[in-house]
């Protein structure tokens, strides 16, 4: 396994697919909306990021 920064199309896709893999057998799990997650990491939509930054990581 390797810890990878989420910073390109491929890793962003993996980042969003992870919960689907983790919870595929959970009948009560409700999938997130991709745009909701992306807005958390968008400086224009998340006012908290104007004072700092957020870096996403994924274990592949």
PDB file of N, CA and C in Angstrom:
ATOM      1  N   UNK A   1       0.841  -1.180   0.000  1.00  0.00           N
ATOM      2  CA  UNK A   1       0.000   0.000   0.000  1.00  0.00           C
ATOM      3  C   UNK A   1       0.880   1.234   0.000  1.00  0.00           C
ATOM      4  N   UNK A   2       0.335   2.260  -0.627  1.00  0.00           N
ATOM      5  CA  UNK A   2       1.096   3.494  -0.751  1.00  0.00           C
ATOM      6  C   UNK A   2       0.181   4.677  -0.458  1.00  0.00           C
ATOM      7  N   UNK A   3       0.650   5.619   0.341  1.00  0.00           N
ATOM      8  CA  UNK A   3      -0.084   6.836   0.638  1.00  0.00           C
ATOM      9  C   UNK A   3       0.176   7.828  -0.486  1.00  0.00           C
ATOM     10  N   UNK A   4      -0.904   8.270  -1.152  1.00  0.00           N
ATOM     11  CA  UNK A   4      -0.770   9.106  -2.341  1.00  0.00           C
ATOM     12  C   UNK A   4      -1.596  10.373  -2.161  1.00  0.00           C
ATOM     13  N   UNK A   5      -1.023  11.512  -2.538  1.00  0.00           N
ATOM     14  CA  UNK A   5      -1.770  12.764  -2.517  1.00  0.00           C
ATOM     15  C   UNK A   5      -2.795  12.756  -3.649  1.00  0.00           C
ATOM     16  N   UNK A   6      -3.987  13.219  -3.353  1.00  0.00           N
ATOM     17  CA  UNK A   6      -5.055  13.296  -4.353  1.00  0.00           C
ATOM     18  C   UNK A   6      -4.893  14.637  -5.070  1.00  0.00           C
ATOM     19  N   UNK A   7      -4.300  14.584  -6.275  1.00  0.00           N
ATOM     20  CA  UNK A   7      -4.001  15.837  -6.967  1.00  0.00           C
ATOM     21  C   UNK A   7      -4.115  15.742  -8.489  1.00  0.00           C
ATOM     22  N   UNK A   8      -4.701  14.661  -9.010  1.00  0.00           N
ATOM     23  CA  UNK A   8      -4.915  14.560 -10.457  1.00  0.00           C
ATOM     24  C   UNK A   8      -6.197  13.764 -10.706  1.00  0.00           C
ATOM     25  N   UNK A   9      -6.601  13.682 -11.965  1.00  0.00           N
ATOM     26  CA  UNK A   9      -7.877  13.030 -12.296  1.00  0.00           C
ATOM     27  C   UNK A   9      -7.944  11.588 -11.806  1.00  0.00           C
ATOM     28  N   UNK A  10      -6.863  10.876 -11.948  1.00  0.00           N
ATOM     29  CA  UNK A  10      -6.837   9.469 -11.558  1.00  0.00           C
ATOM     30  C   UNK A  10      -7.023   9.289 -10.053  1.00  0.00           C
ATOM     31  N   UNK A  11      -6.303  10.070  -9.263  1.00  0.00           N
ATOM     32  CA  UNK A  11      -6.413   9.921  -7.811  1.00  0.00           C
ATOM     33  C   UNK A  11      -7.732  10.489  -7.285  1.00  0.00           C
ATOM     34  N   UNK A  12      -8.253  11.519  -7.941  1.00  0.00           N
ATOM     35  CA  UNK A  12      -9.567  12.046  -7.554  1.00  0.00           C
ATOM     36  C   UNK A  12     -10.635  10.980  -7.789  1.00  0.00           C
ATOM     37  N   UNK A  13     -10.538  10.286  -8.909  1.00  0.00           N
ATOM     38  CA  UNK A  13     -11.485   9.208  -9.206  1.00  0.00           C
ATOM     39  C   UNK A  13     -11.387   8.108  -8.149  1.00  0.00           C
ATOM     40  N   UNK A  14     -10.173   7.721  -7.796  1.00  0.00           N
ATOM     41  CA  UNK A  14      -9.972   6.698  -6.761  1.00  0.00           C
ATOM     42  C   UNK A  14     -10.523   7.157  -5.415  1.00  0.00           C
ATOM     43  N   UNK A  15     -10.329   8.428  -5.103  1.00  0.00           N
ATOM     44  CA  UNK A  15     -10.822   9.016  -3.859  1.00  0.00           C
ATOM     45  C   UNK A  15     -12.341   8.870  -3.760  1.00  0.00           C
ATOM     46  N   UNK A  16     -13.035   9.136  -4.861  1.00  0.00           N
ATOM     47  CA  UNK A  16     -14.496   9.061  -4.863  1.00  0.00           C
ATOM     48  C   UNK A  16     -15.010   7.628  -4.939  1.00  0.00           C
ATOM     49  N   UNK A  17     -14.238   6.728  -5.501  1.00  0.00           N
ATOM     50  CA  UNK A  17     -14.667   5.334  -5.614  1.00  0.00           C
ATOM     51  C   UNK A  17     -14.485   4.552  -4.315  1.00  0.00           C
ATOM     52  N   UNK A  18     -13.597   5.000  -3.460  1.00  0.00           N
ATOM     53  CA  UNK A  18     -13.298   4.261  -2.231  1.00  0.00           C
ATOM     54  C   UNK A  18     -14.529   3.955  -1.376  1.00  0.00           C
ATOM     55  N   UNK A  19     -15.382   4.928  -1.066  1.00  0.00           N
ATOM     56  CA  UNK A  19     -16.552   4.594  -0.243  1.00  0.00           C
ATOM     57  C   UNK A  19     -17.469   3.557  -0.897  1.00  0.00           C
ATOM     58  N   UNK A  20     -17.563   3.579  -2.214  1.00  0.00           N
ATOM     59  CA  UNK A  20     -18.395   2.599  -2.912  1.00  0.00           C
ATOM     60  C   UNK A  20     -17.842   1.186  -2.723  1.00  0.00           C
ATOM     61  N   UNK A  21     -16.524   1.071  -2.696  1.00  0.00           N
ATOM     62  CA  UNK A  21     -15.901  -0.232  -2.463  1.00  0.00           C
ATOM     63  C   UNK A  21     -16.057  -0.662  -1.005  1.00  0.00           C
ATOM     64  N   UNK A  22     -15.887   0.289  -0.093  1.00  0.00           N
ATOM     65  CA  UNK A  22     -15.976  -0.024   1.335  1.00  0.00           C
ATOM     66  C   UNK A  22     -17.381  -0.452   1.752  1.00  0.00           C
ATOM     67  N   UNK A  23     -18.376   0.212   1.211  1.00  0.00           N
ATOM     68  CA  UNK A  23     -19.748   0.010   1.671  1.00  0.00           C
ATOM     69  C   UNK A  23     -20.627  -0.738   0.676  1.00  0.00           C
ATOM     70  N   UNK A  24     -20.035  -1.424  -0.287  1.00  0.00           N
ATOM     71  CA  UNK A  24     -20.819  -2.081  -1.336  1.00  0.00           C
ATOM     72  C   UNK A  24     -21.809  -3.106  -0.793  1.00  0.00           C
ATOM     73  N   UNK A  25     -21.535  -3.697   0.342  1.00  0.00           N
ATOM     74  CA  UNK A  25     -22.438  -4.695   0.925  1.00  0.00           C
ATOM     75  C   UNK A  25     -23.328  -4.134   2.032  1.00  0.00           C
ATOM     76  N   UNK A  26     -23.257  -2.846   2.253  1.00  0.00           N
ATOM     77  CA  UNK A  26     -24.068  -2.201   3.282  1.00  0.00           C
ATOM     78  C   UNK A  26     -25.343  -1.660   2.634  1.00  0.00           C
ATOM     79  N   UNK A  27     -26.461  -2.289   2.921  1.00  0.00           N
ATOM     80  CA  UNK A  27     -27.726  -1.934   2.275  1.00  0.00           C
ATOM     81  C   UNK A  27     -28.263  -0.571   2.693  1.00  0.00           C
ATOM     82  N   UNK A  28     -27.824  -0.045   3.819  1.00  0.00           N
ATOM     83  CA  UNK A  28     -28.340   1.240   4.290  1.00  0.00           C
ATOM     84  C   UNK A  28     -27.417   2.416   3.960  1.00  0.00           C
ATOM     85  N   UNK A  29     -26.296   2.142   3.328  1.00  0.00           N
ATOM     86  CA  UNK A  29     -25.367   3.213   2.956  1.00  0.00           C
ATOM     87  C   UNK A  29     -25.945   4.033   1.820  1.00  0.00           C
ATOM     88  N   UNK A  30     -25.813   5.341   1.934  1.00  0.00           N
ATOM     89  CA  UNK A  30     -26.271   6.251   0.884  1.00  0.00           C
ATOM     90  C   UNK A  30     -25.042   6.923   0.297  1.00  0.00           C
ATOM     91  N   UNK A  31     -24.907   6.841  -0.993  1.00  0.00           N
ATOM     92  CA  UNK A  31     -23.738   7.401  -1.684  1.00  0.00           C
ATOM     93  C   UNK A  31     -23.714   8.925  -1.587  1.00  0.00           C
ATOM     94  N   UNK A  32     -22.521   9.465  -1.488  1.00  0.00           N
ATOM     95  CA  UNK A  32     -22.338  10.914  -1.486  1.00  0.00           C
ATOM     96  C   UNK A  32     -22.485  11.459  -2.906  1.00  0.00           C
ATOM     97  N   UNK A  33     -22.733  12.739  -3.007  1.00  0.00           N
ATOM     98  CA  UNK A  33     -22.719  13.399  -4.306  1.00  0.00           C
ATOM     99  C   UNK A  33     -21.312  13.931  -4.526  1.00  0.00           C
ATOM    100  N   UNK A  34     -20.747  13.597  -5.644  1.00  0.00           N
ATOM    101  CA  UNK A  34     -19.364  13.986  -5.933  1.00  0.00           C
ATOM    102  C   UNK A  34     -19.170  15.493  -5.802  1.00  0.00           C
ATOM    103  N   UNK A  35     -20.120  16.273  -6.314  1.00  0.00           N
ATOM    104  CA  UNK A  35     -19.966  17.726  -6.259  1.00  0.00           C
ATOM    105  C   UNK A  35     -19.986  18.239  -4.815  1.00  0.00           C
ATOM    106  N   UNK A  36     -20.686  17.557  -3.917  1.00  0.00           N
ATOM    107  CA  UNK A  36     -20.672  17.959  -2.510  1.00  0.00           C
ATOM    108  C   UNK A  36     -19.287  17.772  -1.906  1.00  0.00           C
ATOM    109  N   UNK A  37     -18.659  16.660  -2.201  1.00  0.00           N
ATOM    110  CA  UNK A  37     -17.314  16.395  -1.683  1.00  0.00           C
ATOM    111  C   UNK A  37     -16.306  17.361  -2.298  1.00  0.00           C
ATOM    112  N   UNK A  38     -16.404  17.569  -3.602  1.00  0.00           N
ATOM    113  CA  UNK A  38     -15.469  18.470  -4.281  1.00  0.00           C
ATOM    114  C   UNK A  38     -15.591  19.902  -3.762  1.00  0.00           C
ATOM    115  N   UNK A  39     -16.800  20.328  -3.409  1.00  0.00           N
ATOM    116  CA  UNK A  39     -16.982  21.694  -2.913  1.00  0.00           C
ATOM    117  C   UNK A  39     -16.278  21.909  -1.576  1.00  0.00           C
ATOM    118  N   UNK A  40     -16.099  20.853  -0.800  1.00  0.00           N
ATOM    119  CA  UNK A  40     -15.372  20.959   0.470  1.00  0.00           C
ATOM    120  C   UNK A  40     -13.922  21.374   0.223  1.00  0.00           C
ATOM    121  N   UNK A  41     -13.356  20.940  -0.892  1.00  0.00           N
ATOM    122  CA  UNK A  41     -11.947  21.206  -1.198  1.00  0.00           C
ATOM    123  C   UNK A  41     -11.758  22.355  -2.192  1.00  0.00           C
ATOM    124  N   UNK A  42     -12.818  23.101  -2.477  1.00  0.00           N
ATOM    125  CA  UNK A  42     -12.775  24.222  -3.426  1.00  0.00           C
ATOM    126  C   UNK A  42     -12.704  25.533  -2.651  1.00  0.00           C
ATOM    127  N   UNK A  43     -11.618  26.290  -2.837  1.00  0.00           N
ATOM    128  CA  UNK A  43     -11.441  27.552  -2.110  1.00  0.00           C
ATOM    129  C   UNK A  43     -12.543  28.557  -2.411  1.00  0.00           C
ATOM    130  N   UNK A  44     -13.132  28.486  -3.590  1.00  0.00           N
ATOM    131  CA  UNK A  44     -14.201  29.417  -3.949  1.00  0.00           C
ATOM    132  C   UNK A  44     -15.523  29.070  -3.271  1.00  0.00           C
ATOM    133  N   UNK A  45     -15.694  27.836  -2.860  1.00  0.00           N
ATOM    134  CA  UNK A  45     -16.947  27.400  -2.242  1.00  0.00           C
ATOM    135  C   UNK A  45     -16.830  27.190  -0.737  1.00  0.00           C
ATOM    136  N   UNK A  46     -15.644  26.917  -0.249  1.00  0.00           N
ATOM    137  CA  UNK A  46     -15.419  26.671   1.172  1.00  0.00           C
ATOM    138  C   UNK A  46     -14.617  27.834   1.749  1.00  0.00           C
ATOM    139  N   UNK A  47     -15.286  28.691   2.477  1.00  0.00           N
ATOM    140  CA  UNK A  47     -14.652  29.901   3.009  1.00  0.00           C
ATOM    141  C   UNK A  47     -13.488  29.599   3.946  1.00  0.00           C
ATOM    142  N   UNK A  48     -13.515  28.459   4.607  1.00  0.00           N
ATOM    143  CA  UNK A  48     -12.437  28.099   5.528  1.00  0.00           C
ATOM    144  C   UNK A  48     -11.102  27.917   4.810  1.00  0.00           C
ATOM    145  N   UNK A  49     -11.136  27.548   3.552  1.00  0.00           N
ATOM    146  CA  UNK A  49      -9.895  27.330   2.801  1.00  0.00           C
ATOM    147  C   UNK A  49      -9.236  28.635   2.364  1.00  0.00           C
ATOM    148  N   UNK A  50      -9.909  29.741   2.541  1.00  0.00           N
ATOM    149  CA  UNK A  50      -9.298  31.038   2.203  1.00  0.00           C
ATOM    150  C   UNK A  50      -8.199  31.396   3.197  1.00  0.00           C
ATOM    151  N   UNK A  51      -8.209  30.743   4.339  1.00  0.00           N
ATOM    152  CA  UNK A  51      -7.222  31.015   5.388  1.00  0.00           C
ATOM    153  C   UNK A  51      -6.176  29.912   5.493  1.00  0.00           C
ATOM    154  N   UNK A  52      -6.238  28.965   4.607  1.00  0.00           N
ATOM    155  CA  UNK A  52      -5.307  27.842   4.651  1.00  0.00           C
ATOM    156  C   UNK A  52      -5.532  26.939   3.457  1.00  0.00           C
ATOM    157  N   UNK A  53      -5.161  25.704   3.602  1.00  0.00           N
ATOM    158  CA  UNK A  53      -5.365  24.764   2.514  1.00  0.00           C
ATOM    159  C   UNK A  53      -5.686  23.386   3.075  1.00  0.00           C
ATOM    160  N   UNK A  54      -6.257  22.570   2.234  1.00  0.00           N
ATOM    161  CA  UNK A  54      -6.557  21.184   2.597  1.00  0.00           C
ATOM    162  C   UNK A  54      -5.940  20.285   1.536  1.00  0.00           C
ATOM    163  N   UNK A  55      -5.309  19.231   1.981  1.00  0.00           N
ATOM    164  CA  UNK A  55      -4.704  18.272   1.059  1.00  0.00           C
ATOM    165  C   UNK A  55      -5.355  16.925   1.317  1.00  0.00           C
ATOM    166  N   UNK A  56      -5.823  16.303   0.240  1.00  0.00           N
ATOM    167  CA  UNK A  56      -6.443  14.983   0.352  1.00  0.00           C
ATOM    168  C   UNK A  56      -5.384  13.918   0.121  1.00  0.00           C
ATOM    169  N   UNK A  57      -5.536  12.813   0.840  1.00  0.00           N
ATOM    170  CA  UNK A  57      -4.650  11.668   0.700  1.00  0.00           C
ATOM    171  C   UNK A  57      -5.505  10.422   0.570  1.00  0.00           C
ATOM    172  N   UNK A  58      -4.971   9.427  -0.095  1.00  0.00           N
ATOM    173  CA  UNK A  58      -5.652   8.138  -0.214  1.00  0.00           C
ATOM    174  C   UNK A  58      -4.607   7.034  -0.129  1.00  0.00           C
ATOM    175  N   UNK A  59      -4.974   5.959   0.510  1.00  0.00           N
ATOM    176  CA  UNK A  59      -4.091   4.806   0.632  1.00  0.00           C
ATOM    177  C   UNK A  59      -4.450   3.812  -0.466  1.00  0.00           C
ATOM    178  N   UNK A  60      -3.535   3.622  -1.394  1.00  0.00           N
ATOM    179  CA  UNK A  60      -3.772   2.723  -2.528  1.00  0.00           C
ATOM    180  C   UNK A  60      -2.909   1.486  -2.415  1.00  0.00           C
TER     181      UNK A  60
END
